[in-house]
Amino acid sequence: MDTLDYLLKNNARWAEKMKAKDAEYFSRIYDVQTPKYLWIGCSDSRVSANNIVGLMPGEIFVHRNVANQVIHTDLNCLSVLQFAVEYLKVKHIIVCGHYGCGGVIAALDGRRHGLIDNWLRHIQDTANLYAGTLEKITGENKKADKLCELNVIEQVINVGATTIVQDAWERGQELTVHGWVYSIENGIITDLDVCLTGEDELKTLRKRFL
């Protein structure tokens, strides 16, 4: 049986390294979680929120799933969202996709993949919604990259449409929703210039891209 001892040894070395650099590191973060940001990202192992934005543990609250979806029947995502908005009082919600996303590519390839097809159906719905835009793009990679962006835009809209965010705006809570895409190829984040601070912006956002 593989007991993963090498990972436990890696952990021990890491903990010692962190304490050597900062003796108070663990005691300082133990009782405190006051992030300003909620990150909704992809489960891809190459996209680690803290690392790519240069933040320490405790500074960003994270939810990840395949292709960074915000689905209104997903109680996992909604529970994270509610905790972040109502209890942690985050000021920014960042939906971050990434180019080359396997979920987005699978949603476009026309093949069956099993159970995950039910999850990917939401991305296919986005592809259908923006069919006119996608049909103008030549090259499967470029088309997939564009759908990665459009998927983020739709998830920003989905975040803004939740009762959690709607209620926060109604009570005057400072809360902004952002849409970003990360490039694994060069490590750079692109701001898609989609930013919601209230319901009025939510109503007009999609019209900019259709």
N, C-alpha and C. Protein backbone atom coordinates (compact mmCIF):
# COMPACT_ATOMS: atom_id res chain seq x y z
N MET A 1 0.84 -1.20 0.00
CA MET A 1 0.00 0.00 0.00
C MET A 1 0.88 1.25 0.00
N ASP A 2 0.55 2.19 -0.87
CA ASP A 2 1.27 3.45 -0.94
C ASP A 2 0.70 4.39 0.12
N THR A 3 1.49 4.68 1.15
CA THR A 3 1.01 5.50 2.27
C THR A 3 1.25 6.99 2.06
N LEU A 4 1.82 7.34 0.92
CA LEU A 4 2.09 8.75 0.60
C LEU A 4 3.04 9.39 1.61
N ASP A 5 3.97 8.60 2.12
CA ASP A 5 4.93 9.13 3.09
C ASP A 5 5.72 10.30 2.53
N TYR A 6 5.99 10.26 1.23
CA TYR A 6 6.78 11.33 0.63
C TYR A 6 6.06 12.68 0.71
N LEU A 7 4.71 12.65 0.65
CA LEU A 7 3.97 13.90 0.80
C LEU A 7 4.01 14.39 2.24
N LEU A 8 3.93 13.47 3.19
CA LEU A 8 4.01 13.85 4.59
C LEU A 8 5.39 14.42 4.91
N LYS A 9 6.42 13.85 4.31
CA LYS A 9 7.78 14.38 4.52
C LYS A 9 7.92 15.75 3.88
N ASN A 10 7.32 15.90 2.68
CA ASN A 10 7.33 17.22 2.05
C ASN A 10 6.65 18.25 2.95
N ASN A 11 5.53 17.86 3.56
CA ASN A 11 4.80 18.75 4.46
C ASN A 11 5.65 19.16 5.64
N ALA A 12 6.34 18.18 6.24
CA ALA A 12 7.17 18.48 7.41
C ALA A 12 8.29 19.44 7.04
N ARG A 13 8.91 19.22 5.88
CA ARG A 13 9.98 20.13 5.45
C ARG A 13 9.44 21.52 5.17
N TRP A 14 8.25 21.57 4.56
CA TRP A 14 7.64 22.87 4.27
C TRP A 14 7.33 23.63 5.55
N ALA A 15 6.74 22.93 6.54
CA ALA A 15 6.39 23.59 7.80
C ALA A 15 7.64 24.13 8.50
N GLU A 16 8.72 23.35 8.48
CA GLU A 16 9.97 23.81 9.10
C GLU A 16 10.54 25.00 8.35
N LYS A 17 10.45 24.96 7.04
CA LYS A 17 10.95 26.07 6.23
C LYS A 17 10.18 27.35 6.53
N MET A 18 8.84 27.24 6.64
CA MET A 18 8.03 28.42 6.92
C MET A 18 8.36 28.99 8.30
N LYS A 19 8.54 28.13 9.29
CA LYS A 19 8.88 28.60 10.64
C LYS A 19 10.27 29.20 10.69
N ALA A 20 11.18 28.67 9.88
CA ALA A 20 12.53 29.23 9.84
C ALA A 20 12.52 30.64 9.26
N LYS A 21 11.66 30.86 8.28
CA LYS A 21 11.55 32.18 7.67
C LYS A 21 10.78 33.15 8.56
N ASP A 22 9.79 32.63 9.30
CA ASP A 22 8.91 33.48 10.12
C ASP A 22 8.41 32.64 11.29
N ALA A 23 9.01 32.82 12.44
CA ALA A 23 8.69 31.99 13.60
C ALA A 23 7.24 32.10 14.03
N GLU A 24 6.59 33.21 13.73
CA GLU A 24 5.20 33.43 14.13
C GLU A 24 4.19 33.12 13.03
N TYR A 25 4.66 32.54 11.92
CA TYR A 25 3.81 32.36 10.74
C TYR A 25 2.51 31.63 11.07
N PHE A 26 2.60 30.45 11.65
CA PHE A 26 1.39 29.64 11.88
C PHE A 26 0.53 30.21 13.01
N SER A 27 1.16 30.71 14.05
CA SER A 27 0.37 31.27 15.15
C SER A 27 -0.36 32.53 14.71
N ARG A 28 0.24 33.26 13.77
CA ARG A 28 -0.38 34.51 13.31
C ARG A 28 -1.62 34.24 12.46
N ILE A 29 -1.59 33.19 11.64
CA ILE A 29 -2.74 32.94 10.76
C ILE A 29 -3.76 32.01 11.40
N TYR A 30 -3.43 31.40 12.55
CA TYR A 30 -4.29 30.37 13.13
C TYR A 30 -5.69 30.89 13.45
N ASP A 31 -5.78 32.02 14.11
CA ASP A 31 -7.07 32.53 14.59
C ASP A 31 -7.68 33.59 13.69
N VAL A 32 -7.04 33.88 12.56
CA VAL A 32 -7.48 35.01 11.75
C VAL A 32 -7.77 34.56 10.32
N GLN A 33 -8.98 34.86 9.85
CA GLN A 33 -9.31 34.70 8.44
C GLN A 33 -10.14 35.91 8.04
N THR A 34 -9.46 36.87 7.44
CA THR A 34 -10.14 38.11 7.06
C THR A 34 -9.84 38.46 5.59
N PRO A 35 -10.16 37.56 4.67
CA PRO A 35 -9.86 37.85 3.27
C PRO A 35 -10.78 38.92 2.70
N LYS A 36 -10.24 39.69 1.78
CA LYS A 36 -11.04 40.67 1.06
C LYS A 36 -11.62 40.08 -0.23
N TYR A 37 -11.14 38.90 -0.59
CA TYR A 37 -11.44 38.36 -1.91
C TYR A 37 -12.01 36.94 -1.82
N LEU A 38 -13.00 36.67 -2.66
CA LEU A 38 -13.44 35.31 -2.93
C LEU A 38 -13.05 34.98 -4.35
N TRP A 39 -12.35 33.87 -4.51
CA TRP A 39 -11.89 33.40 -5.82
C TRP A 39 -12.73 32.21 -6.23
N ILE A 40 -13.39 32.30 -7.36
CA ILE A 40 -14.11 31.16 -7.93
C ILE A 40 -13.35 30.75 -9.19
N GLY A 41 -12.67 29.62 -9.10
CA GLY A 41 -11.78 29.22 -10.19
C GLY A 41 -11.97 27.78 -10.59
N CYS A 42 -11.11 27.35 -11.50
CA CYS A 42 -11.16 25.99 -12.03
C CYS A 42 -10.36 25.05 -11.13
N SER A 43 -10.75 23.78 -11.13
CA SER A 43 -10.05 22.77 -10.33
C SER A 43 -8.69 22.40 -10.90
N ASP A 44 -8.36 22.88 -12.08
CA ASP A 44 -7.09 22.54 -12.72
C ASP A 44 -5.93 22.70 -11.74
N SER A 45 -5.09 21.68 -11.65
CA SER A 45 -4.01 21.67 -10.66
C SER A 45 -2.94 22.71 -10.93
N ARG A 46 -2.95 23.29 -12.12
CA ARG A 46 -1.93 24.30 -12.46
C ARG A 46 -2.36 25.72 -12.12
N VAL A 47 -3.58 25.88 -11.61
CA VAL A 47 -4.12 27.22 -11.36
C VAL A 47 -4.40 27.37 -9.87
N SER A 48 -3.39 27.79 -9.13
CA SER A 48 -3.51 27.97 -7.68
C SER A 48 -3.70 29.45 -7.36
N ALA A 49 -4.84 29.78 -6.80
CA ALA A 49 -5.22 31.19 -6.62
C ALA A 49 -4.17 31.98 -5.85
N ASN A 50 -3.78 31.50 -4.66
CA ASN A 50 -2.83 32.25 -3.85
C ASN A 50 -1.53 32.53 -4.59
N ASN A 51 -1.03 31.52 -5.29
CA ASN A 51 0.25 31.66 -5.96
C ASN A 51 0.21 32.68 -7.08
N ILE A 52 -0.81 32.62 -7.93
CA ILE A 52 -0.75 33.45 -9.13
C ILE A 52 -1.11 34.90 -8.86
N VAL A 53 -1.70 35.20 -7.71
CA VAL A 53 -1.91 36.60 -7.36
C VAL A 53 -1.03 37.05 -6.20
N GLY A 54 -0.14 36.17 -5.77
CA GLY A 54 0.87 36.56 -4.77
C GLY A 54 0.31 36.89 -3.41
N LEU A 55 -0.69 36.12 -2.96
CA LEU A 55 -1.27 36.36 -1.64
C LEU A 55 -0.95 35.21 -0.69
N MET A 56 -0.94 35.52 0.59
CA MET A 56 -0.64 34.54 1.62
C MET A 56 -1.91 33.81 2.05
N PRO A 57 -1.78 32.66 2.70
CA PRO A 57 -2.95 31.99 3.28
C PRO A 57 -3.69 32.95 4.21
N GLY A 58 -5.02 32.93 4.12
CA GLY A 58 -5.84 33.83 4.92
C GLY A 58 -6.24 35.09 4.19
N GLU A 59 -5.63 35.33 3.02
CA GLU A 59 -5.91 36.56 2.29
C GLU A 59 -6.89 36.38 1.13
N ILE A 60 -7.18 35.13 0.77
CA ILE A 60 -8.12 34.89 -0.32
C ILE A 60 -8.90 33.61 -0.02
N PHE A 61 -10.22 33.70 -0.12
CA PHE A 61 -11.11 32.56 0.12
C PHE A 61 -11.40 31.93 -1.23
N VAL A 62 -11.35 30.60 -1.31
CA VAL A 62 -11.32 29.94 -2.62
C VAL A 62 -12.40 28.88 -2.76
N HIS A 63 -13.06 28.91 -3.93
CA HIS A 63 -13.92 27.81 -4.36
C HIS A 63 -13.49 27.41 -5.76
N ARG A 64 -13.33 26.10 -5.99
CA ARG A 64 -12.89 25.63 -7.30
C ARG A 64 -13.76 24.47 -7.75
N ASN A 65 -14.06 24.44 -9.03
CA ASN A 65 -14.73 23.30 -9.64
C ASN A 65 -14.34 23.23 -11.11
N VAL A 66 -14.77 22.19 -11.80
CA VAL A 66 -14.41 22.04 -13.21
C VAL A 66 -14.98 23.20 -14.02
N ALA A 67 -14.07 23.95 -14.64
CA ALA A 67 -14.42 25.06 -15.54
C ALA A 67 -15.10 26.23 -14.82
N ASN A 68 -14.78 26.40 -13.54
CA ASN A 68 -15.20 27.59 -12.77
C ASN A 68 -16.67 27.97 -13.00
N GLN A 69 -17.56 27.02 -12.72
CA GLN A 69 -18.98 27.23 -12.93
C GLN A 69 -19.67 27.79 -11.67
N VAL A 70 -20.65 28.64 -11.89
CA VAL A 70 -21.52 29.12 -10.82
C VAL A 70 -22.94 28.75 -11.23
N ILE A 71 -23.41 27.64 -10.69
CA ILE A 71 -24.70 27.07 -11.07
C ILE A 71 -25.66 27.22 -9.90
N HIS A 72 -26.84 27.69 -10.16
CA HIS A 72 -27.74 28.11 -9.09
C HIS A 72 -28.36 26.95 -8.31
N THR A 73 -28.06 25.73 -8.73
CA THR A 73 -28.48 24.56 -7.95
C THR A 73 -27.29 23.90 -7.25
N ASP A 74 -26.12 24.49 -7.36
CA ASP A 74 -24.91 23.94 -6.75
C ASP A 74 -24.77 24.49 -5.33
N LEU A 75 -25.24 23.71 -4.36
CA LEU A 75 -25.25 24.18 -2.98
C LEU A 75 -23.84 24.33 -2.42
N ASN A 76 -22.90 23.59 -2.95
CA ASN A 76 -21.51 23.75 -2.52
C ASN A 76 -21.02 25.16 -2.83
N CYS A 77 -21.14 25.54 -4.11
CA CYS A 77 -20.70 26.88 -4.52
C CYS A 77 -21.48 27.97 -3.80
N LEU A 78 -22.79 27.81 -3.69
CA LEU A 78 -23.61 28.83 -3.05
C LEU A 78 -23.30 28.97 -1.57
N SER A 79 -22.97 27.86 -0.93
CA SER A 79 -22.61 27.92 0.50
C SER A 79 -21.31 28.68 0.70
N VAL A 80 -20.34 28.43 -0.18
CA VAL A 80 -19.08 29.18 -0.13
C VAL A 80 -19.35 30.66 -0.36
N LEU A 81 -20.18 30.95 -1.35
CA LEU A 81 -20.51 32.34 -1.67
C LEU A 81 -21.18 33.03 -0.50
N GLN A 82 -22.14 32.36 0.12
CA GLN A 82 -22.83 32.97 1.25
C GLN A 82 -21.88 33.23 2.41
N PHE A 83 -21.04 32.24 2.73
CA PHE A 83 -20.11 32.41 3.84
C PHE A 83 -19.15 33.57 3.57
N ALA A 84 -18.67 33.65 2.33
CA ALA A 84 -17.73 34.71 1.99
C ALA A 84 -18.36 36.10 2.07
N VAL A 85 -19.60 36.21 1.57
CA VAL A 85 -20.26 37.52 1.50
C VAL A 85 -20.83 37.94 2.85
N GLU A 86 -21.52 37.02 3.53
CA GLU A 86 -22.27 37.40 4.72
C GLU A 86 -21.46 37.30 6.01
N TYR A 87 -20.46 36.45 6.05
CA TYR A 87 -19.70 36.27 7.29
C TYR A 87 -18.28 36.82 7.19
N LEU A 88 -17.60 36.54 6.08
CA LEU A 88 -16.26 37.07 5.91
C LEU A 88 -16.26 38.51 5.41
N LYS A 89 -17.39 38.93 4.82
CA LYS A 89 -17.55 40.30 4.31
C LYS A 89 -16.51 40.64 3.25
N VAL A 90 -16.27 39.70 2.34
CA VAL A 90 -15.34 40.00 1.25
C VAL A 90 -15.86 41.19 0.45
N LYS A 91 -14.95 41.91 -0.14
CA LYS A 91 -15.32 43.07 -0.95
C LYS A 91 -15.26 42.79 -2.44
N HIS A 92 -14.58 41.71 -2.81
CA HIS A 92 -14.42 41.39 -4.22
C HIS A 92 -14.64 39.90 -4.45
N ILE A 93 -15.41 39.58 -5.48
CA ILE A 93 -15.58 38.20 -5.93
C ILE A 93 -14.94 38.12 -7.32
N ILE A 94 -13.98 37.24 -7.46
CA ILE A 94 -13.26 37.09 -8.72
C ILE A 94 -13.61 35.74 -9.33
N VAL A 95 -14.22 35.78 -10.51
CA VAL A 95 -14.41 34.55 -11.28
C VAL A 95 -13.24 34.48 -12.26
N CYS A 96 -12.41 33.45 -12.12
CA CYS A 96 -11.21 33.35 -12.96
C CYS A 96 -11.19 32.02 -13.70
N GLY A 97 -11.32 32.10 -15.01
CA GLY A 97 -11.12 30.92 -15.85
C GLY A 97 -9.68 30.87 -16.32
N HIS A 98 -9.39 29.92 -17.19
CA HIS A 98 -8.04 29.87 -17.75
C HIS A 98 -8.09 29.33 -19.17
N TYR A 99 -7.20 29.84 -19.99
CA TYR A 99 -7.10 29.37 -21.37
C TYR A 99 -6.63 27.92 -21.37
N GLY A 100 -7.11 27.17 -22.35
CA GLY A 100 -6.77 25.75 -22.41
C GLY A 100 -7.53 24.91 -21.41
N CYS A 101 -8.66 25.40 -20.92
CA CYS A 101 -9.44 24.69 -19.91
C CYS A 101 -10.01 23.39 -20.50
N GLY A 102 -9.70 22.28 -19.85
CA GLY A 102 -10.15 20.99 -20.34
C GLY A 102 -11.66 20.86 -20.37
N GLY A 103 -12.34 21.45 -19.40
CA GLY A 103 -13.79 21.41 -19.36
C GLY A 103 -14.41 22.13 -20.54
N VAL A 104 -13.87 23.29 -20.87
CA VAL A 104 -14.38 24.06 -22.00
C VAL A 104 -14.10 23.32 -23.31
N ILE A 105 -12.91 22.77 -23.45
CA ILE A 105 -12.56 22.02 -24.66
C ILE A 105 -13.47 20.81 -24.82
N ALA A 106 -13.74 20.10 -23.71
CA ALA A 106 -14.61 18.93 -23.76
C ALA A 106 -16.04 19.31 -24.14
N ALA A 107 -16.47 20.48 -23.70
CA ALA A 107 -17.82 20.93 -24.03
C ALA A 107 -17.98 21.23 -25.51
N LEU A 108 -16.87 21.47 -26.20
CA LEU A 108 -16.90 21.82 -27.62
C LEU A 108 -16.67 20.64 -28.55
N ASP A 109 -16.11 19.54 -28.03
CA ASP A 109 -15.59 18.52 -28.95
C ASP A 109 -16.64 17.56 -29.50
N GLY A 110 -17.89 17.64 -28.99
CA GLY A 110 -18.96 16.83 -29.56
C GLY A 110 -18.93 15.36 -29.18
N ARG A 111 -18.07 14.97 -28.22
CA ARG A 111 -17.98 13.57 -27.80
C ARG A 111 -18.65 13.38 -26.45
N ARG A 112 -18.91 12.13 -26.10
CA ARG A 112 -19.47 11.80 -24.79
C ARG A 112 -18.32 11.56 -23.81
N HIS A 113 -18.46 12.06 -22.59
CA HIS A 113 -17.41 11.93 -21.59
C HIS A 113 -17.92 11.30 -20.29
N GLY A 114 -19.18 10.93 -20.25
CA GLY A 114 -19.72 10.31 -19.04
C GLY A 114 -20.48 11.30 -18.19
N LEU A 115 -20.44 11.08 -16.88
CA LEU A 115 -21.19 11.90 -15.93
C LEU A 115 -20.93 13.38 -16.09
N ILE A 116 -19.70 13.75 -16.38
CA ILE A 116 -19.35 15.17 -16.44
C ILE A 116 -20.07 15.91 -17.55
N ASP A 117 -20.61 15.17 -18.53
CA ASP A 117 -21.37 15.84 -19.60
C ASP A 117 -22.53 16.65 -19.05
N ASN A 118 -23.11 16.19 -17.93
CA ASN A 118 -24.21 16.94 -17.32
C ASN A 118 -23.74 18.28 -16.77
N TRP A 119 -22.52 18.30 -16.27
CA TRP A 119 -21.91 19.54 -15.77
C TRP A 119 -21.53 20.45 -16.94
N LEU A 120 -20.94 19.83 -17.97
CA LEU A 120 -20.49 20.60 -19.13
C LEU A 120 -21.63 21.18 -19.94
N ARG A 121 -22.83 20.67 -19.72
CA ARG A 121 -23.99 21.17 -20.45
C ARG A 121 -24.16 22.67 -20.26
N HIS A 122 -23.79 23.17 -19.11
CA HIS A 122 -23.91 24.61 -18.86
C HIS A 122 -22.97 25.41 -19.77
N ILE A 123 -21.79 24.85 -20.03
CA ILE A 123 -20.86 25.53 -20.94
C ILE A 123 -21.37 25.44 -22.37
N GLN A 124 -21.96 24.30 -22.72
CA GLN A 124 -22.55 24.17 -24.05
C GLN A 124 -23.70 25.16 -24.25
N ASP A 125 -24.46 25.42 -23.19
CA ASP A 125 -25.51 26.43 -23.26
C ASP A 125 -24.92 27.81 -23.56
N THR A 126 -23.78 28.09 -22.94
CA THR A 126 -23.10 29.36 -23.22
C THR A 126 -22.63 29.41 -24.66
N ALA A 127 -22.08 28.30 -25.15
CA ALA A 127 -21.65 28.24 -26.55
C ALA A 127 -22.82 28.47 -27.49
N ASN A 128 -23.98 27.92 -27.16
CA ASN A 128 -25.17 28.12 -28.00
C ASN A 128 -25.63 29.57 -27.95
N LEU A 129 -25.55 30.18 -26.77
CA LEU A 129 -25.98 31.57 -26.60
C LEU A 129 -25.13 32.51 -27.45
N TYR A 130 -23.82 32.22 -27.52
CA TYR A 130 -22.89 33.07 -28.25
C TYR A 130 -22.45 32.42 -29.57
N ALA A 131 -23.32 31.60 -30.14
CA ALA A 131 -22.97 30.87 -31.36
C ALA A 131 -22.53 31.80 -32.48
N GLY A 132 -23.19 32.94 -32.62
CA GLY A 132 -22.83 33.90 -33.66
C GLY A 132 -21.41 34.40 -33.53
N THR A 133 -20.99 34.64 -32.29
CA THR A 133 -19.63 35.09 -32.03
C THR A 133 -18.62 33.98 -32.31
N LEU A 134 -18.90 32.79 -31.85
CA LEU A 134 -17.96 31.68 -31.98
C LEU A 134 -17.82 31.22 -33.43
N GLU A 135 -18.89 31.31 -34.20
CA GLU A 135 -18.84 30.87 -35.60
C GLU A 135 -17.91 31.72 -36.45
N LYS A 136 -17.65 32.94 -36.01
CA LYS A 136 -16.77 33.84 -36.76
C LYS A 136 -15.29 33.55 -36.52
N ILE A 137 -14.99 32.68 -35.56
CA ILE A 137 -13.60 32.42 -35.17
C ILE A 137 -13.10 31.17 -35.88
N THR A 138 -11.95 31.28 -36.54
CA THR A 138 -11.35 30.12 -37.20
C THR A 138 -10.27 29.54 -36.28
N GLY A 139 -10.22 28.21 -36.24
CA GLY A 139 -9.23 27.54 -35.39
C GLY A 139 -9.86 27.10 -34.09
N GLU A 140 -9.74 25.81 -33.80
CA GLU A 140 -10.38 25.27 -32.60
C GLU A 140 -9.80 25.84 -31.32
N ASN A 141 -8.50 26.07 -31.27
CA ASN A 141 -7.89 26.61 -30.06
C ASN A 141 -8.37 28.03 -29.77
N LYS A 142 -8.44 28.84 -30.82
CA LYS A 142 -8.92 30.21 -30.64
C LYS A 142 -10.38 30.23 -30.24
N LYS A 143 -11.15 29.30 -30.81
CA LYS A 143 -12.58 29.22 -30.46
C LYS A 143 -12.73 28.81 -29.00
N ALA A 144 -11.92 27.85 -28.56
CA ALA A 144 -11.98 27.41 -27.16
C ALA A 144 -11.56 28.53 -26.22
N ASP A 145 -10.54 29.29 -26.61
CA ASP A 145 -10.09 30.41 -25.77
C ASP A 145 -11.19 31.46 -25.63
N LYS A 146 -11.90 31.73 -26.74
CA LYS A 146 -12.99 32.70 -26.68
C LYS A 146 -14.11 32.19 -25.80
N LEU A 147 -14.40 30.88 -25.88
CA LEU A 147 -15.45 30.33 -25.03
C LEU A 147 -15.03 30.36 -23.57
N CYS A 148 -13.73 30.21 -23.29
CA CYS A 148 -13.25 30.38 -21.91
C CYS A 148 -13.62 31.76 -21.37
N GLU A 149 -13.42 32.78 -22.21
CA GLU A 149 -13.76 34.15 -21.82
C GLU A 149 -15.26 34.31 -21.65
N LEU A 150 -16.03 33.83 -22.61
CA LEU A 150 -17.48 33.95 -22.55
C LEU A 150 -18.05 33.19 -21.37
N ASN A 151 -17.46 32.07 -21.05
CA ASN A 151 -17.88 31.29 -19.89
C ASN A 151 -17.68 32.09 -18.61
N VAL A 152 -16.55 32.77 -18.50
CA VAL A 152 -16.31 33.62 -17.33
C VAL A 152 -17.36 34.72 -17.24
N ILE A 153 -17.65 35.35 -18.36
CA ILE A 153 -18.64 36.42 -18.37
C ILE A 153 -19.99 35.91 -17.88
N GLU A 154 -20.39 34.73 -18.36
CA GLU A 154 -21.67 34.17 -17.92
C GLU A 154 -21.67 33.82 -16.44
N GLN A 155 -20.53 33.38 -15.92
CA GLN A 155 -20.47 33.05 -14.50
C GLN A 155 -20.47 34.31 -13.63
N VAL A 156 -19.89 35.39 -14.14
CA VAL A 156 -20.00 36.68 -13.45
C VAL A 156 -21.46 37.09 -13.35
N ILE A 157 -22.19 36.93 -14.45
CA ILE A 157 -23.62 37.23 -14.44
C ILE A 157 -24.35 36.33 -13.45
N ASN A 158 -24.00 35.04 -13.43
CA ASN A 158 -24.64 34.11 -12.50
C ASN A 158 -24.37 34.49 -11.04
N VAL A 159 -23.15 34.93 -10.75
CA VAL A 159 -22.84 35.37 -9.39
C VAL A 159 -23.72 36.57 -9.03
N GLY A 160 -23.77 37.54 -9.93
CA GLY A 160 -24.55 38.75 -9.66
C GLY A 160 -26.04 38.48 -9.52
N ALA A 161 -26.51 37.41 -10.14
CA ALA A 161 -27.94 37.09 -10.09
C ALA A 161 -28.34 36.28 -8.87
N THR A 162 -27.37 35.82 -8.07
CA THR A 162 -27.72 35.04 -6.88
C THR A 162 -28.43 35.93 -5.85
N THR A 163 -29.29 35.33 -5.07
CA THR A 163 -29.95 36.07 -3.99
C THR A 163 -28.94 36.58 -2.98
N ILE A 164 -27.84 35.87 -2.84
CA ILE A 164 -26.80 36.25 -1.88
C ILE A 164 -26.21 37.60 -2.24
N VAL A 165 -25.82 37.74 -3.49
CA VAL A 165 -25.21 39.01 -3.93
C VAL A 165 -26.27 40.10 -4.07
N GLN A 166 -27.44 39.73 -4.58
CA GLN A 166 -28.52 40.70 -4.69
C GLN A 166 -28.87 41.30 -3.33
N ASP A 167 -28.97 40.44 -2.32
CA ASP A 167 -29.29 40.92 -0.97
C ASP A 167 -28.18 41.81 -0.42
N ALA A 168 -26.93 41.45 -0.71
CA ALA A 168 -25.80 42.26 -0.24
C ALA A 168 -25.86 43.65 -0.84
N TRP A 169 -26.11 43.74 -2.13
CA TRP A 169 -26.23 45.05 -2.77
C TRP A 169 -27.40 45.84 -2.21
N GLU A 170 -28.50 45.16 -1.95
CA GLU A 170 -29.70 45.84 -1.45
C GLU A 170 -29.46 46.45 -0.07
N ARG A 171 -28.67 45.79 0.74
CA ARG A 171 -28.39 46.35 2.07
C ARG A 171 -27.19 47.29 2.08
N GLY A 172 -26.68 47.60 0.87
CA GLY A 172 -25.61 48.58 0.76
C GLY A 172 -24.22 48.06 1.02
N GLN A 173 -24.04 46.75 1.02
CA GLN A 173 -22.72 46.18 1.24
C GLN A 173 -21.83 46.42 0.03
N GLU A 174 -20.61 46.83 0.30
CA GLU A 174 -19.64 47.07 -0.77
C GLU A 174 -19.18 45.73 -1.34
N LEU A 175 -19.53 45.44 -2.59
CA LEU A 175 -19.22 44.14 -3.17
C LEU A 175 -19.13 44.27 -4.69
N THR A 176 -18.01 43.85 -5.25
CA THR A 176 -17.78 43.94 -6.68
C THR A 176 -17.45 42.56 -7.22
N VAL A 177 -18.01 42.23 -8.38
CA VAL A 177 -17.75 40.95 -9.03
C VAL A 177 -16.91 41.22 -10.28
N HIS A 178 -15.82 40.46 -10.41
CA HIS A 178 -14.87 40.65 -11.51
C HIS A 178 -14.77 39.38 -12.35
N GLY A 179 -14.40 39.53 -13.62
CA GLY A 179 -14.17 38.40 -14.51
C GLY A 179 -12.76 38.43 -15.09
N TRP A 180 -11.98 37.39 -14.83
CA TRP A 180 -10.60 37.30 -15.29
C TRP A 180 -10.37 35.98 -16.01
N VAL A 181 -9.31 35.95 -16.84
CA VAL A 181 -8.83 34.71 -17.44
C VAL A 181 -7.32 34.63 -17.27
N TYR A 182 -6.86 33.47 -16.84
CA TYR A 182 -5.43 33.24 -16.58
C TYR A 182 -4.82 32.43 -17.72
N SER A 183 -3.60 32.79 -18.10
CA SER A 183 -2.87 32.03 -19.10
C SER A 183 -1.83 31.15 -18.43
N ILE A 184 -2.00 29.85 -18.53
CA ILE A 184 -1.00 28.93 -17.98
C ILE A 184 0.30 29.05 -18.76
N GLU A 185 0.20 29.44 -20.01
CA GLU A 185 1.37 29.52 -20.88
C GLU A 185 2.37 30.57 -20.43
N ASN A 186 1.87 31.73 -19.96
CA ASN A 186 2.81 32.79 -19.56
C ASN A 186 2.59 33.30 -18.13
N GLY A 187 1.58 32.77 -17.43
CA GLY A 187 1.36 33.15 -16.04
C GLY A 187 0.64 34.48 -15.85
N ILE A 188 0.13 35.07 -16.90
CA ILE A 188 -0.49 36.40 -16.83
C ILE A 188 -2.01 36.30 -16.79
N ILE A 189 -2.62 37.13 -15.95
CA ILE A 189 -4.07 37.24 -15.86
C ILE A 189 -4.55 38.38 -16.75
N THR A 190 -5.61 38.11 -17.51
CA THR A 190 -6.26 39.15 -18.31
C THR A 190 -7.58 39.54 -17.65
N ASP A 191 -7.73 40.83 -17.39
CA ASP A 191 -8.99 41.36 -16.89
C ASP A 191 -9.93 41.54 -18.08
N LEU A 192 -11.08 40.86 -18.05
CA LEU A 192 -12.01 40.91 -19.18
C LEU A 192 -12.86 42.17 -19.20
N ASP A 193 -12.61 43.07 -18.27
CA ASP A 193 -13.37 44.33 -18.21
C ASP A 193 -14.86 44.06 -18.00
N VAL A 194 -15.14 43.06 -17.18
CA VAL A 194 -16.51 42.82 -16.73
C VAL A 194 -16.52 43.00 -15.22
N CYS A 195 -17.24 43.97 -14.76
CA CYS A 195 -17.19 44.35 -13.36
C CYS A 195 -18.59 44.77 -12.91
N LEU A 196 -19.10 44.07 -11.92
CA LEU A 196 -20.45 44.37 -11.42
C LEU A 196 -20.37 44.94 -10.02
N THR A 197 -21.04 46.08 -9.82
CA THR A 197 -21.14 46.65 -8.48
C THR A 197 -22.58 46.84 -8.05
N GLY A 198 -23.52 46.47 -8.94
CA GLY A 198 -24.94 46.63 -8.62
C GLY A 198 -25.80 46.02 -9.70
N GLU A 199 -27.10 45.99 -9.44
CA GLU A 199 -28.03 45.32 -10.33
C GLU A 199 -28.15 45.99 -11.69
N ASP A 200 -27.99 47.29 -11.76
CA ASP A 200 -28.10 47.99 -13.04
C ASP A 200 -27.05 47.49 -14.03
N GLU A 201 -25.82 47.30 -13.57
CA GLU A 201 -24.76 46.79 -14.43
C GLU A 201 -25.03 45.35 -14.84
N LEU A 202 -25.62 44.58 -13.92
CA LEU A 202 -25.95 43.19 -14.22
C LEU A 202 -26.91 43.10 -15.40
N LYS A 203 -27.87 44.00 -15.46
CA LYS A 203 -28.90 43.94 -16.50
C LYS A 203 -28.35 44.21 -17.89
N THR A 204 -27.24 44.93 -17.98
CA THR A 204 -26.73 45.34 -19.28
C THR A 204 -25.45 44.62 -19.70
N LEU A 205 -24.86 43.82 -18.82
CA LEU A 205 -23.55 43.25 -19.10
C LEU A 205 -23.55 42.35 -20.33
N ARG A 206 -24.48 41.42 -20.39
CA ARG A 206 -24.47 40.45 -21.50
C ARG A 206 -24.63 41.13 -22.86
N LYS A 207 -25.37 42.23 -22.92
CA LYS A 207 -25.61 42.92 -24.18
C LYS A 207 -24.31 43.40 -24.83
N ARG A 208 -23.28 43.62 -24.02
CA ARG A 208 -21.99 44.10 -24.56
C ARG A 208 -21.30 43.04 -25.41
N PHE A 209 -21.65 41.78 -25.21
CA PHE A 209 -20.89 40.71 -25.86
C PHE A 209 -21.69 39.89 -26.85
N LEU A 210 -22.99 40.08 -26.88
CA LEU A 210 -23.82 39.35 -27.83
C LEU A 210 -23.80 40.02 -29.21
